[in-house]
PDB file of N, CA and C in Angstrom:
ATOM      1  N   MET A   1     -23.885 -13.933 -21.346  1.00  0.00           N
ATOM      2  CA  MET A   1     -23.604 -12.971 -20.034  1.00  0.00           C
ATOM      3  C   MET A   1     -23.927 -11.172 -21.119  1.00  0.00           C
ATOM      4  N   PRO A   2     -24.522 -10.482 -20.446  1.00  0.00           N
ATOM      5  CA  PRO A   2     -24.709  -8.984 -20.891  1.00  0.00           C
ATOM      6  C   PRO A   2     -23.605  -8.513 -20.795  1.00  0.00           C
ATOM      7  N   ALA A   3     -23.244  -7.758 -21.647  1.00  0.00           N
ATOM      8  CA  ALA A   3     -21.681  -6.970 -21.740  1.00  0.00           C
ATOM      9  C   ALA A   3     -21.623  -5.900 -21.005  1.00  0.00           C
ATOM     10  N   ASP A   4     -22.876  -5.256 -20.344  1.00  0.00           N
ATOM     11  CA  ASP A   4     -22.290  -4.827 -19.292  1.00  0.00           C
ATOM     12  C   ASP A   4     -22.401  -5.100 -17.855  1.00  0.00           C
ATOM     13  N   GLN A   5     -22.301  -6.651 -17.634  1.00  0.00           N
ATOM     14  CA  GLN A   5     -21.803  -7.511 -16.626  1.00  0.00           C
ATOM     15  C   GLN A   5     -21.142  -8.184 -16.723  1.00  0.00           C
ATOM     16  N   LEU A   6     -19.762  -8.020 -17.210  1.00  0.00           N
ATOM     17  CA  LEU A   6     -18.771  -8.751 -17.481  1.00  0.00           C
ATOM     18  C   LEU A   6     -18.261  -9.061 -16.304  1.00  0.00           C
ATOM     19  N   PRO A   7     -17.981 -10.117 -15.944  1.00  0.00           N
ATOM     20  CA  PRO A   7     -17.051 -10.141 -14.394  1.00  0.00           C
ATOM     21  C   PRO A   7     -15.520  -9.561 -14.501  1.00  0.00           C
ATOM     22  N   VAL A   8     -15.306  -9.287 -13.179  1.00  0.00           N
ATOM     23  CA  VAL A   8     -14.184  -8.707 -13.253  1.00  0.00           C
ATOM     24  C   VAL A   8     -13.336  -9.106 -11.825  1.00  0.00           C
ATOM     25  N   LEU A   9     -12.228  -9.285 -12.046  1.00  0.00           N
ATOM     26  CA  LEU A   9     -11.002 -10.054 -11.156  1.00  0.00           C
ATOM     27  C   LEU A   9     -10.231  -8.740 -11.069  1.00  0.00           C
ATOM     28  N   VAL A  10      -9.891  -8.700  -9.536  1.00  0.00           N
ATOM     29  CA  VAL A  10      -9.188  -7.195  -9.434  1.00  0.00           C
ATOM     30  C   VAL A  10      -7.981  -7.855  -8.336  1.00  0.00           C
ATOM     31  N   PHE A  11      -6.790  -7.824  -8.234  1.00  0.00           N
ATOM     32  CA  PHE A  11      -6.008  -7.972  -7.691  1.00  0.00           C
ATOM     33  C   PHE A  11      -4.882  -6.808  -6.884  1.00  0.00           C
ATOM     34  N   ASP A  12      -4.497  -7.006  -5.452  1.00  0.00           N
ATOM     35  CA  ASP A  12      -4.444  -5.658  -4.806  1.00  0.00           C
ATOM     36  C   ASP A  12      -2.823  -6.304  -4.581  1.00  0.00           C
ATOM     37  N   VAL A  13      -2.019  -6.094  -5.552  1.00  0.00           N
ATOM     38  CA  VAL A  13      -0.488  -6.035  -5.271  1.00  0.00           C
ATOM     39  C   VAL A  13       0.104  -5.232  -4.839  1.00  0.00           C
ATOM     40  N   ASN A  14      -0.103  -3.997  -4.334  1.00  0.00           N
ATOM     41  CA  ASN A  14       0.795  -2.935  -4.088  1.00  0.00           C
ATOM     42  C   ASN A  14       1.780  -2.738  -3.181  1.00  0.00           C
ATOM     43  N   GLU A  15       1.609  -3.532  -2.118  1.00  0.00           N
ATOM     44  CA  GLU A  15       2.715  -3.849  -1.148  1.00  0.00           C
ATOM     45  C   GLU A  15       3.804  -4.708  -1.431  1.00  0.00           C
ATOM     46  N   THR A  16       3.037  -5.718  -2.248  1.00  0.00           N
ATOM     47  CA  THR A  16       4.069  -6.866  -2.943  1.00  0.00           C
ATOM     48  C   THR A  16       4.861  -6.560  -3.875  1.00  0.00           C
ATOM     49  N   LEU A  17       4.285  -5.456  -4.766  1.00  0.00           N
ATOM     50  CA  LEU A  17       5.392  -5.038  -5.688  1.00  0.00           C
ATOM     51  C   LEU A  17       5.969  -3.851  -5.582  1.00  0.00           C
ATOM     52  N   SER A  18       6.194  -3.193  -4.431  1.00  0.00           N
ATOM     53  CA  SER A  18       6.637  -2.387  -3.821  1.00  0.00           C
ATOM     54  C   SER A  18       7.450  -2.166  -2.908  1.00  0.00           C
ATOM     55  N   ASP A  19       8.453  -2.239  -3.028  1.00  0.00           N
ATOM     56  CA  ASP A  19       9.694  -2.230  -1.812  1.00  0.00           C
ATOM     57  C   ASP A  19       9.890  -1.256  -1.231  1.00  0.00           C
ATOM     58  N   LEU A  20       9.443  -1.648   0.108  1.00  0.00           N
ATOM     59  CA  LEU A  20       9.291  -0.049   1.118  1.00  0.00           C
ATOM     60  C   LEU A  20      10.758  -0.060   2.053  1.00  0.00           C
ATOM     61  N   THR A  21      11.682  -1.156   1.656  1.00  0.00           N
ATOM     62  CA  THR A  21      12.752  -1.206   2.642  1.00  0.00           C
ATOM     63  C   THR A  21      13.447   0.365   2.826  1.00  0.00           C
ATOM     64  N   PRO A  22      13.485   1.143   1.807  1.00  0.00           N
ATOM     65  CA  PRO A  22      14.338   2.379   1.941  1.00  0.00           C
ATOM     66  C   PRO A  22      13.848   3.179   2.444  1.00  0.00           C
ATOM     67  N   LEU A  23      12.469   3.048   2.432  1.00  0.00           N
ATOM     68  CA  LEU A  23      11.500   4.022   3.088  1.00  0.00           C
ATOM     69  C   LEU A  23      11.667   4.030   5.023  1.00  0.00           C
ATOM     70  N   ARG A  24      12.059   2.913   5.647  1.00  0.00           N
ATOM     71  CA  ARG A  24      12.087   2.197   6.779  1.00  0.00           C
ATOM     72  C   ARG A  24      13.266   3.631   7.341  1.00  0.00           C
ATOM     73  N   ALA A  25      14.172   3.467   6.606  1.00  0.00           N
ATOM     74  CA  ALA A  25      15.530   4.493   6.970  1.00  0.00           C
ATOM     75  C   ALA A  25      15.017   5.894   7.419  1.00  0.00           C
ATOM     76  N   ARG A  26      14.080   6.334   6.410  1.00  0.00           N
ATOM     77  CA  ARG A  26      14.137   7.595   6.460  1.00  0.00           C
ATOM     78  C   ARG A  26      12.916   7.921   7.595  1.00  0.00           C
ATOM     79  N   PHE A  27      11.959   6.958   7.695  1.00  0.00           N
ATOM     80  CA  PHE A  27      11.523   6.644   9.089  1.00  0.00           C
ATOM     81  C   PHE A  27      12.066   6.897  10.379  1.00  0.00           C
ATOM     82  N   GLU A  28      12.917   6.142  10.356  1.00  0.00           N
ATOM     83  CA  GLU A  28      14.086   6.537  11.765  1.00  0.00           C
ATOM     84  C   GLU A  28      14.863   7.890  11.500  1.00  0.00           C
ATOM     85  N   ASP A  29      15.029   7.978  10.449  1.00  0.00           N
ATOM     86  CA  ASP A  29      15.677   9.741  10.490  1.00  0.00           C
ATOM     87  C   ASP A  29      14.883  10.341  11.128  1.00  0.00           C
ATOM     88  N   ILE A  30      13.451  10.479  10.885  1.00  0.00           N
ATOM     89  CA  ILE A  30      12.593  11.446  11.181  1.00  0.00           C
ATOM     90  C   ILE A  30      12.179  11.432  12.813  1.00  0.00           C
ATOM     91  N   GLY A  31      12.637   9.953  13.711  1.00  0.00           N
ATOM     92  CA  GLY A  31      12.261   9.791  14.634  1.00  0.00           C
ATOM     93  C   GLY A  31      11.368   8.943  14.685  1.00  0.00           C
ATOM     94  N   ALA A  32      10.428   8.501  13.788  1.00  0.00           N
ATOM     95  CA  ALA A  32       9.578   7.523  13.943  1.00  0.00           C
ATOM     96  C   ALA A  32      10.222   6.013  13.880  1.00  0.00           C
ATOM     97  N   PRO A  33       9.537   5.251  14.486  1.00  0.00           N
ATOM     98  CA  PRO A  33       9.750   3.619  14.407  1.00  0.00           C
ATOM     99  C   PRO A  33       9.802   3.091  13.163  1.00  0.00           C
ATOM    100  N   GLY A  34      10.936   2.473  12.842  1.00  0.00           N
ATOM    101  CA  GLY A  34      10.887   1.818  11.426  1.00  0.00           C
ATOM    102  C   GLY A  34       9.801   0.901  11.294  1.00  0.00           C
ATOM    103  N   HIS A  35       9.592  -0.063  12.202  1.00  0.00           N
ATOM    104  CA  HIS A  35       8.331  -1.115  12.559  1.00  0.00           C
ATOM    105  C   HIS A  35       6.952  -0.799  11.902  1.00  0.00           C
ATOM    106  N   LEU A  36       6.870   0.824  12.277  1.00  0.00           N
ATOM    107  CA  LEU A  36       5.206   1.271  11.679  1.00  0.00           C
ATOM    108  C   LEU A  36       5.340   1.305  10.389  1.00  0.00           C
ATOM    109  N   LEU A  37       6.253   1.255   9.570  1.00  0.00           N
ATOM    110  CA  LEU A  37       6.252   1.887   7.811  1.00  0.00           C
ATOM    111  C   LEU A  37       5.043   0.987   7.274  1.00  0.00           C
ATOM    112  N   ALA A  38       4.785  -0.349   7.734  1.00  0.00           N
ATOM    113  CA  ALA A  38       3.870  -0.998   7.004  1.00  0.00           C
ATOM    114  C   ALA A  38       2.600  -0.733   7.717  1.00  0.00           C
ATOM    115  N   THR A  39       2.573  -0.345   8.666  1.00  0.00           N
ATOM    116  CA  THR A  39       1.278   0.414   9.094  1.00  0.00           C
ATOM    117  C   THR A  39       0.860   1.753   8.582  1.00  0.00           C
ATOM    118  N   TRP A  40       1.688   2.438   8.556  1.00  0.00           N
ATOM    119  CA  TRP A  40       1.704   3.697   7.938  1.00  0.00           C
ATOM    120  C   TRP A  40       1.232   3.461   6.227  1.00  0.00           C
ATOM    121  N   PHE A  41       2.101   2.733   5.435  1.00  0.00           N
ATOM    122  CA  PHE A  41       1.351   2.511   4.170  1.00  0.00           C
ATOM    123  C   PHE A  41       0.061   2.373   3.874  1.00  0.00           C
ATOM    124  N   ALA A  42      -0.002   1.131   4.844  1.00  0.00           N
ATOM    125  CA  ALA A  42      -1.476   0.641   4.538  1.00  0.00           C
ATOM    126  C   ALA A  42      -2.692   1.675   5.054  1.00  0.00           C
ATOM    127  N   GLY A  43      -2.417   3.091   5.376  1.00  0.00           N
ATOM    128  CA  GLY A  43      -3.213   3.633   6.287  1.00  0.00           C
ATOM    129  C   GLY A  43      -3.556   4.932   5.025  1.00  0.00           C
ATOM    130  N   SER A  44      -2.020   5.386   4.637  1.00  0.00           N
ATOM    131  CA  SER A  44      -1.804   6.212   3.444  1.00  0.00           C
ATOM    132  C   SER A  44      -2.365   5.508   2.297  1.00  0.00           C
ATOM    133  N   TYR A  45      -2.892   4.398   1.665  1.00  0.00           N
ATOM    134  CA  TYR A  45      -3.013   3.696   0.506  1.00  0.00           C
ATOM    135  C   TYR A  45      -4.503   3.708   0.618  1.00  0.00           C
ATOM    136  N   GLY A  46      -4.940   3.551   1.796  1.00  0.00           N
ATOM    137  CA  GLY A  46      -6.615   3.254   2.254  1.00  0.00           C
ATOM    138  C   GLY A  46      -7.177   4.717   1.987  1.00  0.00           C
ATOM    139  N   THR A  47      -6.435   5.776   2.783  1.00  0.00           N
ATOM    140  CA  THR A  47      -6.971   6.883   2.634  1.00  0.00           C
ATOM    141  C   THR A  47      -7.102   7.437   1.187  1.00  0.00           C
ATOM    142  N   ALA A  48      -5.338   7.134   0.353  1.00  0.00           N
ATOM    143  CA  ALA A  48      -5.549   7.586  -0.909  1.00  0.00           C
ATOM    144  C   ALA A  48      -6.707   7.401  -1.906  1.00  0.00           C
ATOM    145  N   SER A  49      -7.303   6.234  -1.323  1.00  0.00           N
ATOM    146  CA  SER A  49      -8.068   5.620  -2.663  1.00  0.00           C
ATOM    147  C   SER A  49      -9.975   5.862  -2.160  1.00  0.00           C
ATOM    148  N   ARG A  50      -9.950   6.777  -1.063  1.00  0.00           N
ATOM    149  CA  ARG A  50     -11.354   7.338  -0.709  1.00  0.00           C
ATOM    150  C   ARG A  50     -11.621   8.260  -2.063  1.00  0.00           C
TER     151      ARG A  50
END
């Protein structure tokens, strides 16, 4: 296999390794429903990677 065509394997473990539990209380402190934290995080992560 040519050096410029090496296989690559990528794992997306950001939510797995990030404990978002402390942020749930902050969401609720500002009046946002705590259960929307995962949706917010997924959206902000997707936006940041563009």
